[in-house]
Amino acid sequence: MNEIVHGVDRRDPSVPALVWAADEAVRRGLPLRLAVAVPRSTTGCVTTWAVT
């Protein structure tokens, strides 16, 4: 395994799972990649952001 991948959303119940994923990544010495799904834009604009 080369990384820990975790899906996130804006709901509060997802926070403990995010904390677990971060702790697991630290424990294993692996990078943590966060994935988020966003609704399709109705304006045709594309939004891109990254966390480093």
N, C-alpha and C. Protein backbone atom coordinates (compact mmCIF):
# COMPACT_ATOMS: atom_id res chain seq x y z
N MET A 1 0.86 -1.17 0.00
CA MET A 1 0.00 0.00 0.00
C MET A 1 0.90 1.24 0.00
N ASN A 2 0.60 2.19 -0.91
CA ASN A 2 1.44 3.37 -1.05
C ASN A 2 0.86 4.62 -0.43
N GLU A 3 -0.44 4.60 -0.14
CA GLU A 3 -1.09 5.77 0.44
C GLU A 3 -2.41 5.36 1.10
N ILE A 4 -2.91 6.23 1.94
CA ILE A 4 -4.22 6.06 2.53
C ILE A 4 -5.16 7.00 1.77
N VAL A 5 -6.27 6.48 1.26
CA VAL A 5 -7.24 7.28 0.52
C VAL A 5 -8.52 7.32 1.35
N HIS A 6 -9.06 8.52 1.53
CA HIS A 6 -10.26 8.68 2.35
C HIS A 6 -11.20 9.67 1.68
N GLY A 7 -12.47 9.31 1.60
CA GLY A 7 -13.49 10.20 1.04
C GLY A 7 -14.04 11.10 2.14
N VAL A 8 -14.22 12.36 1.84
CA VAL A 8 -14.73 13.32 2.83
C VAL A 8 -15.94 14.05 2.28
N ASP A 9 -16.78 14.52 3.19
CA ASP A 9 -17.88 15.39 2.83
C ASP A 9 -18.07 16.41 3.94
N ARG A 10 -19.09 17.24 3.84
CA ARG A 10 -19.26 18.33 4.80
C ARG A 10 -20.02 17.91 6.06
N ARG A 11 -20.45 16.69 6.15
CA ARG A 11 -21.24 16.26 7.30
C ARG A 11 -20.34 16.03 8.52
N ASP A 12 -20.82 16.44 9.68
CA ASP A 12 -20.06 16.24 10.92
C ASP A 12 -19.75 14.78 11.20
N PRO A 13 -20.64 13.81 10.89
CA PRO A 13 -20.32 12.41 11.19
C PRO A 13 -19.09 11.90 10.46
N SER A 14 -18.67 12.57 9.39
CA SER A 14 -17.49 12.09 8.66
C SER A 14 -16.18 12.50 9.33
N VAL A 15 -16.23 13.42 10.28
CA VAL A 15 -15.00 13.93 10.91
C VAL A 15 -14.24 12.84 11.67
N PRO A 16 -14.89 12.01 12.51
CA PRO A 16 -14.13 10.96 13.20
C PRO A 16 -13.42 10.00 12.24
N ALA A 17 -14.05 9.69 11.11
CA ALA A 17 -13.41 8.82 10.13
C ALA A 17 -12.20 9.51 9.50
N LEU A 18 -12.30 10.81 9.29
CA LEU A 18 -11.16 11.56 8.76
C LEU A 18 -10.00 11.56 9.75
N VAL A 19 -10.31 11.75 11.02
CA VAL A 19 -9.27 11.72 12.05
C VAL A 19 -8.61 10.34 12.09
N TRP A 20 -9.42 9.29 11.99
CA TRP A 20 -8.87 7.93 11.98
C TRP A 20 -7.93 7.75 10.79
N ALA A 21 -8.35 8.20 9.60
CA ALA A 21 -7.53 8.06 8.40
C ALA A 21 -6.21 8.81 8.55
N ALA A 22 -6.26 10.00 9.12
CA ALA A 22 -5.04 10.79 9.32
C ALA A 22 -4.11 10.09 10.31
N ASP A 23 -4.66 9.59 11.40
CA ASP A 23 -3.85 8.86 12.38
C ASP A 23 -3.23 7.61 11.76
N GLU A 24 -4.01 6.90 10.96
CA GLU A 24 -3.51 5.69 10.31
C GLU A 24 -2.39 6.01 9.33
N ALA A 25 -2.53 7.10 8.59
CA ALA A 25 -1.48 7.51 7.66
C ALA A 25 -0.19 7.84 8.41
N VAL A 26 -0.32 8.54 9.52
CA VAL A 26 0.87 8.86 10.33
C VAL A 26 1.48 7.58 10.89
N ARG A 27 0.65 6.71 11.43
CA ARG A 27 1.14 5.46 12.03
C ARG A 27 1.90 4.62 11.01
N ARG A 28 1.41 4.58 9.78
CA ARG A 28 2.05 3.77 8.75
C ARG A 28 3.12 4.51 7.96
N GLY A 29 3.25 5.84 8.20
CA GLY A 29 4.22 6.63 7.46
C GLY A 29 3.86 6.78 6.00
N LEU A 30 2.55 6.87 5.72
CA LEU A 30 2.07 6.99 4.35
C LEU A 30 1.38 8.33 4.13
N PRO A 31 1.38 8.79 2.88
CA PRO A 31 0.63 10.03 2.59
C PRO A 31 -0.87 9.76 2.68
N LEU A 32 -1.61 10.81 2.98
CA LEU A 32 -3.07 10.73 3.04
C LEU A 32 -3.64 11.50 1.86
N ARG A 33 -4.42 10.82 1.03
CA ARG A 33 -5.08 11.47 -0.11
C ARG A 33 -6.56 11.57 0.23
N LEU A 34 -7.10 12.79 0.14
CA LEU A 34 -8.51 13.02 0.43
C LEU A 34 -9.26 13.15 -0.89
N ALA A 35 -10.39 12.48 -0.97
CA ALA A 35 -11.24 12.55 -2.16
C ALA A 35 -12.58 13.15 -1.77
N VAL A 36 -13.06 14.05 -2.60
CA VAL A 36 -14.35 14.68 -2.35
C VAL A 36 -15.15 14.72 -3.65
N ALA A 37 -16.42 14.43 -3.55
CA ALA A 37 -17.31 14.53 -4.71
C ALA A 37 -18.09 15.83 -4.60
N VAL A 38 -18.17 16.55 -5.69
CA VAL A 38 -18.91 17.80 -5.70
C VAL A 38 -19.96 17.73 -6.81
N PRO A 39 -21.08 18.41 -6.62
CA PRO A 39 -22.11 18.39 -7.65
C PRO A 39 -21.59 19.01 -8.96
N ARG A 40 -22.12 18.53 -10.05
CA ARG A 40 -21.76 19.08 -11.36
C ARG A 40 -22.20 20.55 -11.43
N SER A 41 -21.37 21.38 -11.97
CA SER A 41 -21.66 22.80 -12.09
C SER A 41 -22.77 23.03 -13.12
N THR A 42 -23.71 23.88 -12.77
CA THR A 42 -24.75 24.23 -13.73
C THR A 42 -24.38 25.47 -14.54
N THR A 43 -23.26 26.11 -14.17
CA THR A 43 -22.83 27.33 -14.87
C THR A 43 -21.75 27.07 -15.89
N GLY A 44 -21.24 25.83 -15.92
CA GLY A 44 -20.18 25.51 -16.86
C GLY A 44 -18.79 25.82 -16.32
N CYS A 45 -18.71 26.40 -15.11
CA CYS A 45 -17.42 26.72 -14.50
C CYS A 45 -16.85 25.47 -13.85
N VAL A 46 -15.55 25.35 -13.90
CA VAL A 46 -14.88 24.24 -13.26
C VAL A 46 -14.07 24.79 -12.10
N THR A 47 -14.24 24.21 -10.93
CA THR A 47 -13.49 24.62 -9.76
C THR A 47 -12.49 23.53 -9.41
N THR A 48 -11.25 23.89 -9.24
CA THR A 48 -10.20 22.94 -8.89
C THR A 48 -9.45 23.48 -7.69
N TRP A 49 -9.19 22.60 -6.68
CA TRP A 49 -8.38 23.01 -5.56
C TRP A 49 -7.58 21.83 -5.07
N ALA A 50 -6.48 22.14 -4.44
CA ALA A 50 -5.60 21.10 -3.93
C ALA A 50 -5.14 21.47 -2.54
N VAL A 51 -4.89 20.45 -1.76
CA VAL A 51 -4.33 20.63 -0.42
C VAL A 51 -2.96 20.00 -0.43
N THR A 52 -1.97 20.75 -0.01
CA THR A 52 -0.61 20.21 0.01
C THR A 52 -0.11 20.09 1.42
